[in-house]
């Protein structure tokens, strides 16, 4: 009886030892499964750091932050004429400034017209500026090509003035200083009742045939000196 108990005890110890050994063998694997093998886990994906630094975006050449405010193109002399100005008028040695407003012709030029005068297209190719209080005081403007035949224009002007009276060509200091350097010719004819002048004025390579009609009345003293600075203000339209 005693022998049998010892034998059972020995068998129980052997089974316990075997069970402990199996548990220790399974614990060595970090993630043991039912078969005792460790399940392989995929390594987490890692981003490989790039050695390249993103290039900074280069601002466009016209970016205000780079180029600064755009510079305004310089004016080229008579690129834009002001709407209003003042013209100097000399009467009996006294000089005064008279307000004038620009008038633009379909012929391709502009002229400043003083207060008290009016600009109007008279007929195709001919404009007129007249004194509003006495329209018989006026001057006409015809724009000609720069390569026009000056001698032919002079002959035609002489014939037109011959209807008024004897024609005389004014030269040098006989021509008012404001037009002296620009006049290709300046013709004059007059009577006791009427003075008429025809001048060919050169402006910026263009020619302007100007006819001045001046009755010998009371208004002539104030109107005649005003014609000259207005004619001198003629400029090509830009």
Protein backbone atom coordinates (compact mmCIF):
# COMPACT_ATOMS: atom_id res chain seq x y z
CA UNK A 1 0.00 0.00 0.00
CA UNK A 2 2.78 2.39 0.83
CA UNK A 3 4.54 1.52 -2.38
CA UNK A 4 1.57 2.43 -4.49
CA UNK A 5 1.25 5.86 -2.88
CA UNK A 6 4.90 6.65 -3.54
CA UNK A 7 4.57 5.60 -7.14
CA UNK A 8 1.52 7.83 -7.69
CA UNK A 9 3.32 10.68 -6.02
CA UNK A 10 6.32 10.23 -8.33
CA UNK A 11 4.08 10.21 -11.43
CA UNK A 12 2.32 13.40 -10.26
CA UNK A 13 5.64 15.20 -9.77
CA UNK A 14 6.83 14.12 -13.22
CA UNK A 15 3.63 15.45 -14.86
CA UNK A 16 3.92 18.74 -12.97
CA UNK A 17 7.54 19.15 -14.03
CA UNK A 18 6.60 18.50 -17.68
CA UNK A 19 3.84 21.10 -17.52
CA UNK A 20 6.19 23.70 -16.03
CA UNK A 21 8.76 22.99 -18.73
CA UNK A 22 6.16 23.53 -21.50
CA UNK A 23 5.08 26.84 -19.99
CA UNK A 24 8.66 28.12 -19.82
CA UNK A 25 9.30 27.10 -23.45
CA UNK A 26 6.21 29.03 -24.65
CA UNK A 27 7.12 32.18 -22.66
CA UNK A 28 10.41 32.62 -24.55
CA UNK A 29 8.55 33.71 -27.67
CA UNK A 30 7.30 37.31 -27.48
CA UNK A 31 4.04 36.61 -29.27
CA UNK A 32 3.43 32.88 -29.03
CA UNK A 33 0.56 31.29 -30.92
CA UNK A 34 -1.12 27.91 -30.40
CA UNK A 35 1.80 26.19 -32.19
CA UNK A 36 4.44 27.94 -30.05
CA UNK A 37 5.92 29.91 -32.96
CA UNK A 38 6.16 33.70 -32.74
CA UNK A 39 3.98 35.52 -35.29
CA UNK A 40 6.05 37.87 -37.38
CA UNK A 41 4.76 41.43 -37.26
CA UNK A 42 5.60 43.76 -40.19
CA UNK A 43 7.84 46.59 -39.15
CA UNK A 44 6.10 49.95 -39.22
CA UNK A 45 6.86 51.96 -42.34
CA UNK A 46 9.28 54.77 -41.67
CA UNK A 47 9.65 57.86 -43.85
CA UNK A 48 13.14 58.31 -45.06
CA UNK A 49 14.14 61.89 -44.38
CA UNK A 50 14.91 63.73 -47.56
CA UNK A 51 18.33 65.32 -47.87
CA UNK A 52 16.91 67.98 -50.19
CA UNK A 53 15.43 71.18 -48.79
CA UNK A 54 12.43 72.41 -50.80
CA UNK A 55 13.60 75.21 -53.06
CA UNK A 56 12.16 78.62 -52.25
CA UNK A 57 9.80 79.89 -54.92
CA UNK A 58 11.43 82.70 -56.84
CA UNK A 59 9.10 85.71 -57.08
CA UNK A 60 8.21 86.80 -60.56
CA UNK A 61 10.18 89.71 -61.98
CA UNK A 62 7.12 91.92 -61.89
CA UNK A 63 6.32 91.09 -58.26
CA UNK A 64 6.00 94.44 -56.45
CA UNK A 65 7.90 92.99 -53.50
CA UNK A 66 10.90 92.45 -55.76
CA UNK A 67 10.77 95.12 -58.38
CA UNK A 68 9.07 97.82 -56.33
CA UNK A 69 6.47 100.17 -57.78
CA UNK A 70 6.54 100.46 -61.56
CA UNK A 71 8.15 103.64 -62.76
CA UNK A 72 5.98 105.87 -64.86
CA UNK A 73 7.26 106.36 -68.37
CA UNK A 74 8.70 109.85 -68.78
CA UNK A 75 6.72 112.29 -70.85
CA UNK A 76 8.25 113.04 -74.25
CA UNK A 77 7.89 116.78 -74.43
CA UNK A 78 4.34 117.38 -75.63
CA UNK A 79 2.94 113.94 -74.85
CA UNK A 80 -0.01 115.28 -72.83
CA UNK A 81 -1.05 118.91 -72.87
CA UNK A 82 -2.94 120.31 -69.88
CA UNK A 83 -6.56 121.23 -70.40
CA UNK A 84 -6.03 124.81 -69.25
CA UNK A 85 -3.12 127.21 -69.28
CA UNK A 86 -2.35 130.93 -69.35
CA UNK A 87 -1.04 132.77 -72.39
CA UNK A 88 0.91 135.99 -72.21
CA UNK A 89 -0.52 138.99 -74.05
CA UNK A 90 1.42 142.21 -74.60
CA UNK A 91 -0.59 145.39 -75.17
CA UNK A 92 1.14 148.77 -75.32
CA UNK A 93 4.17 147.48 -73.44
CA UNK A 94 2.11 145.85 -70.68
CA UNK A 95 2.07 142.06 -70.34
CA UNK A 96 -0.81 140.15 -68.83
CA UNK A 97 -1.66 136.45 -68.52
CA UNK A 98 -4.98 135.39 -69.99
CA UNK A 99 -6.64 132.01 -69.21
CA UNK A 100 -6.95 129.64 -72.18
CA UNK A 101 -8.51 126.23 -72.74
CA UNK A 102 -7.26 123.57 -75.12
CA UNK A 103 -9.22 122.80 -78.29
CA UNK A 104 -8.44 119.63 -80.25
CA UNK A 105 -8.86 119.57 -84.02
CA UNK A 106 -9.80 116.61 -86.18
CA UNK A 107 -6.84 117.62 -88.34
CA UNK A 108 -4.48 116.24 -85.68
CA UNK A 109 -3.37 119.26 -83.68
CA UNK A 110 -4.38 121.21 -80.59
CA UNK A 111 -4.54 124.94 -79.91
CA UNK A 112 -5.19 126.98 -76.76
CA UNK A 113 -8.16 129.32 -77.06
CA UNK A 114 -8.39 132.33 -74.74
CA UNK A 115 -11.48 133.29 -72.83
CA UNK A 116 -13.69 135.40 -75.06
CA UNK A 117 -12.85 133.38 -78.19
CA UNK A 118 -14.37 130.24 -79.67
CA UNK A 119 -12.93 127.38 -81.71
CA UNK A 120 -15.00 125.70 -84.43
CA UNK A 121 -14.40 123.55 -87.51
CA UNK A 122 -15.27 125.93 -90.35
CA UNK A 123 -15.18 123.39 -93.18
CA UNK A 124 -13.29 120.15 -93.93
CA UNK A 125 -9.60 120.81 -93.39
CA UNK A 126 -10.13 124.35 -92.04
CA UNK A 127 -10.71 125.39 -88.41
CA UNK A 128 -11.55 128.84 -87.14
CA UNK A 129 -11.04 130.74 -83.89
CA UNK A 130 -13.17 133.86 -83.63
CA UNK A 131 -13.87 136.65 -81.15
CA UNK A 132 -17.28 135.92 -79.64
CA UNK A 133 -18.25 139.59 -79.29
CA UNK A 134 -17.33 140.33 -82.91
CA UNK A 135 -17.04 137.16 -85.06
CA UNK A 136 -15.60 139.12 -88.00
CA UNK A 137 -12.33 139.02 -86.05
CA UNK A 138 -11.02 135.51 -86.63
CA UNK A 139 -8.12 133.38 -87.76
CA UNK A 140 -8.26 130.13 -89.70
CA UNK A 141 -5.91 127.12 -89.46
CA UNK A 142 -5.16 124.59 -92.18
CA UNK A 143 -2.75 121.78 -91.35
CA UNK A 144 -0.41 120.80 -94.20
CA UNK A 145 2.01 117.92 -94.65
CA UNK A 146 5.61 118.64 -93.74
CA UNK A 147 6.72 117.99 -97.31
CA UNK A 148 4.15 120.36 -98.83
CA UNK A 149 5.34 122.68 -101.61
CA UNK A 150 6.06 125.90 -99.68
CA UNK A 151 6.46 128.01 -102.82
CA UNK A 152 3.10 126.86 -104.17
CA UNK A 153 1.43 127.69 -100.85
CA UNK A 154 3.07 131.11 -100.91
CA UNK A 155 1.81 131.82 -104.45
CA UNK A 156 -1.74 130.84 -103.50
CA UNK A 157 -1.61 133.03 -100.38
CA UNK A 158 -0.34 135.98 -102.40
CA UNK A 159 -3.22 135.59 -104.83
CA UNK A 160 -5.76 135.44 -101.98
CA UNK A 161 -4.39 138.58 -100.33
CA UNK A 162 -4.23 140.41 -103.67
CA UNK A 163 -8.01 140.73 -103.48
CA UNK A 164 -7.58 142.89 -100.38
CA UNK A 165 -4.74 145.09 -101.58
CA UNK A 166 -1.05 145.25 -102.20
CA UNK A 167 0.76 142.22 -100.76
CA UNK A 168 3.94 142.63 -98.77
CA UNK A 169 6.11 139.91 -97.30
CA UNK A 170 7.14 140.66 -93.74
CA UNK A 171 10.58 139.50 -92.60
CA UNK A 172 12.85 139.56 -89.57
CA UNK A 173 11.75 141.91 -86.82
CA UNK A 174 8.62 142.85 -88.75
CA UNK A 175 7.24 139.47 -87.64
CA UNK A 176 6.17 139.22 -84.02
CA UNK A 177 8.80 137.49 -81.88
CA UNK A 178 6.42 134.65 -80.89
CA UNK A 179 6.18 133.51 -84.53
CA UNK A 180 9.41 134.81 -86.00
CA UNK A 181 11.47 131.60 -85.78
CA UNK A 182 8.63 129.35 -86.95
CA UNK A 183 7.34 131.36 -89.91
CA UNK A 184 8.23 129.95 -93.33
CA UNK A 185 6.63 133.07 -94.79
CA UNK A 186 4.43 135.88 -93.45
CA UNK A 187 2.38 137.89 -95.96
CA UNK A 188 0.40 141.06 -95.26
CA UNK A 189 -2.20 143.10 -97.10
CA UNK A 190 -4.38 145.89 -95.79
CA UNK A 191 -6.66 148.83 -96.41
CA UNK A 192 -8.18 151.46 -94.19
CA UNK A 193 -10.98 149.02 -93.39
CA UNK A 194 -9.29 145.61 -93.20
CA UNK A 195 -5.97 144.03 -92.37
CA UNK A 196 -5.32 140.48 -93.50
CA UNK A 197 -2.29 138.27 -92.94
CA UNK A 198 -1.43 134.78 -94.16
CA UNK A 199 1.48 132.96 -92.54
CA UNK A 200 2.91 129.47 -92.92
CA UNK A 201 4.04 128.26 -89.49
CA UNK A 202 6.14 125.16 -88.92
CA UNK A 203 5.50 123.15 -85.72
CA UNK A 204 7.23 119.86 -84.96
CA UNK A 205 7.79 119.13 -88.65
CA UNK A 206 4.18 119.92 -89.65
CA UNK A 207 3.05 123.04 -91.50
CA UNK A 208 0.09 125.22 -90.56
CA UNK A 209 -1.33 127.82 -92.94
CA UNK A 210 -2.87 130.54 -90.79
CA UNK A 211 -5.10 133.30 -92.19
CA UNK A 212 -5.84 136.28 -89.90
CA UNK A 213 -8.84 138.52 -90.61
CA UNK A 214 -8.72 141.82 -88.70
CA UNK A 215 -11.16 144.63 -89.49
CA UNK A 216 -9.83 148.05 -88.52
CA UNK A 217 -12.41 148.65 -85.79
CA UNK A 218 -12.40 149.43 -82.09
CA UNK A 219 -11.90 145.79 -81.10
CA UNK A 220 -8.72 145.43 -83.18
CA UNK A 221 -6.53 146.95 -80.46
CA UNK A 222 -7.38 144.21 -77.97
CA UNK A 223 -8.01 141.30 -80.35
CA UNK A 224 -4.93 141.48 -82.58
CA UNK A 225 -2.37 140.99 -79.74
CA UNK A 226 -4.38 137.93 -78.58
CA UNK A 227 -4.23 136.20 -81.95
CA UNK A 228 -0.46 135.81 -81.88
CA UNK A 229 0.00 133.80 -78.61
CA UNK A 230 -2.94 131.55 -79.55
CA UNK A 231 -1.36 130.81 -82.92
CA UNK A 232 1.96 130.22 -81.20
CA UNK A 233 0.32 127.62 -78.91
CA UNK A 234 -0.49 125.27 -81.81
CA UNK A 235 0.94 121.80 -81.15
CA UNK A 236 0.62 118.38 -82.70
CA UNK A 237 -1.91 116.18 -80.93
CA UNK A 238 -0.28 113.25 -79.05
